[in-house]
Protein backbone atom coordinates (compact mmCIF):
# COMPACT_ATOMS: atom_id res chain seq x y z
CA MET A 1 -37.93 24.18 4.85
CA ASP A 2 -40.32 25.32 2.16
CA LYS A 3 -39.70 28.10 -0.37
CA ILE A 4 -41.78 30.66 1.53
CA ALA A 5 -39.76 30.17 4.74
CA VAL A 6 -36.47 30.47 2.81
CA GLY A 7 -37.75 33.66 1.16
CA LYS A 8 -38.72 35.12 4.53
CA LEU A 9 -35.29 34.30 5.90
CA ALA A 10 -33.63 35.97 2.89
CA LEU A 11 -35.73 39.13 3.35
CA GLU A 12 -34.92 39.24 7.04
CA ALA A 13 -31.20 38.84 6.30
CA ALA A 14 -31.37 41.68 3.74
CA ARG A 15 -33.18 43.92 6.26
CA LEU A 16 -30.48 43.21 8.87
CA LEU A 17 -27.74 44.11 6.37
CA PHE A 18 -29.23 47.55 5.80
CA SER A 19 -30.00 48.25 9.46
CA ASP A 20 -27.64 50.14 11.78
CA GLY A 21 -26.19 52.34 9.06
CA GLY A 22 -24.95 49.54 6.82
CA ALA A 23 -22.70 47.89 9.42
CA GLY A 24 -24.14 44.56 8.28
CA TRP A 25 -22.34 44.93 4.93
CA VAL A 26 -19.00 45.14 6.68
CA VAL A 27 -19.77 41.96 8.59
CA ALA A 28 -20.95 40.25 5.38
CA VAL A 29 -17.75 41.23 3.53
CA LEU A 30 -15.57 40.03 6.40
CA LEU A 31 -17.49 36.75 6.56
CA GLY A 32 -17.11 36.38 2.79
CA LEU A 33 -13.35 36.93 3.03
CA ALA A 34 -13.11 34.42 5.87
CA CYS A 35 -15.07 31.85 3.85
CA TRP A 36 -12.88 32.46 0.81
CA GLN A 37 -9.72 31.98 2.94
CA LEU A 38 -11.11 28.78 4.47
CA HIS A 39 -11.96 27.48 0.99
CA ARG A 40 -8.37 28.12 -0.20
CA GLU A 41 -6.94 26.35 2.85
CA ALA A 42 -9.27 23.39 2.31
CA GLN A 43 -8.12 23.17 -1.33
CA ARG A 44 -4.46 23.19 -0.27
CA ALA A 45 -5.12 20.45 2.28
CA GLN A 46 -6.90 18.33 -0.36
CA GLU A 47 -4.03 18.80 -2.82
CA ALA A 48 -1.56 17.74 -0.12
CA ARG A 49 -3.65 14.64 0.63
CA ILE A 50 -3.75 13.76 -3.06
CA GLY A 51 0.04 14.08 -3.23
CA GLU A 52 0.47 11.89 -0.16
CA THR A 53 -1.89 9.32 -1.64
CA GLY A 54 0.26 9.16 -4.78
CA VAL A 55 3.40 8.61 -2.71
CA THR A 56 1.65 5.91 -0.67
CA ALA A 57 0.40 4.18 -3.83
CA THR A 58 3.93 4.14 -5.26
CA ALA A 59 5.32 2.67 -2.04
CA LEU A 60 2.61 0.00 -1.99
CA GLU A 61 3.34 -0.90 -5.62
CA ARG A 62 7.04 -1.29 -4.87
CA ALA A 63 6.27 -3.41 -1.81
CA SER A 64 3.98 -5.57 -3.92
CA GLN A 65 6.73 -6.13 -6.48
CA THR A 66 9.16 -7.03 -3.72
CA ASN A 67 6.66 -9.46 -2.22
CA ALA A 68 6.18 -11.09 -5.63
CA ALA A 69 9.94 -11.53 -6.00
CA VAL A 70 10.19 -13.04 -2.51
CA ALA A 71 7.31 -15.40 -3.27
CA ALA A 72 9.05 -16.55 -6.47
CA ALA A 73 12.28 -17.16 -4.56
CA LEU A 74 10.43 -19.11 -1.87
CA GLU A 75 8.70 -21.21 -4.51
CA SER A 76 12.07 -22.00 -6.09
CA ARG A 77 13.45 -22.99 -2.70
CA SER A 78 10.42 -25.17 -2.07
CA ARG A 79 11.02 -27.03 -5.34
CA VAL A 80 14.67 -27.60 -4.37
CA ILE A 81 13.65 -28.90 -0.95
CA GLU A 82 11.08 -31.23 -2.54
CA GLU A 83 13.75 -32.57 -4.88
CA LEU A 84 16.18 -33.06 -1.98
CA SER A 85 13.49 -34.87 0.01
CA ARG A 86 12.82 -37.17 -2.95
CA LEU A 87 16.53 -37.91 -3.27
CA VAL A 88 16.87 -38.62 0.46
CA GLY A 89 13.96 -41.05 0.23
CA GLU A 90 15.58 -42.85 -2.69
CA ILE A 91 18.89 -42.97 -0.83
CA ALA A 92 17.25 -44.38 2.26
CA ARG A 93 15.68 -47.14 0.17
CA GLY A 94 19.06 -47.73 -1.50
CA ILE A 95 20.81 -47.99 1.85
CA ASP A 96 18.25 -50.51 2.95
CA ARG A 97 19.30 -52.59 -0.08
CA ASN A 98 23.01 -51.84 0.44
CA ASP A 99 23.05 -50.24 -2.97
CA GLU A 100 26.31 -48.67 -4.17
CA ARG A 101 24.31 -45.93 -5.85
CA ALA A 102 23.76 -44.43 -2.40
CA ARG A 103 27.20 -42.82 -2.42
CA ALA A 104 26.50 -41.16 -5.77
CA ARG A 105 23.18 -39.86 -4.46
CA PHE A 106 24.78 -38.41 -1.35
CA ASP A 107 27.43 -36.75 -3.49
CA GLU A 108 24.63 -35.24 -5.61
CA ILE A 109 22.90 -33.89 -2.50
CA LEU A 110 26.14 -32.40 -1.21
CA ARG A 111 26.74 -30.76 -4.59
CA ARG A 112 23.24 -29.22 -4.62
CA ILE A 113 23.60 -27.95 -1.07
CA ALA A 114 26.92 -26.35 -2.02
CA GLU A 115 25.16 -24.69 -5.00
CA LEU A 116 22.48 -23.30 -2.68
CA LYS A 117 25.11 -21.92 -0.31
CA ALA A 118 26.91 -20.31 -3.24
CA ARG A 119 23.63 -18.67 -4.38
CA ASP A 120 22.98 -17.37 -0.88
CA ARG A 121 26.37 -15.69 -0.78
CA THR A 122 25.66 -13.72 -3.98
């Protein structure tokens, strides 16, 4: 719309306000109060959403920290499993050679497994 059309609309609105003995002013005041009330309700809803967003962000941060701790624990377990696999391979080669060191290796594996079970219980 151009400025002239907006001006004509404004003049027509003013004319309607003054027509019928000023009843238009009552309607305008009531509409203004309704708009003001709607604005206040919209502000309250936005403030509530902001509060909920903060709570959600805190929960996500805590979940992220928990996930990082779980990932570190899994990485530690993976290293232990790799070490056990290496030892089993060495033992298998030792058994093939009938090496007496095999018993010591098996004892070491059993000791490490017992340590893992003890950690899991705590």
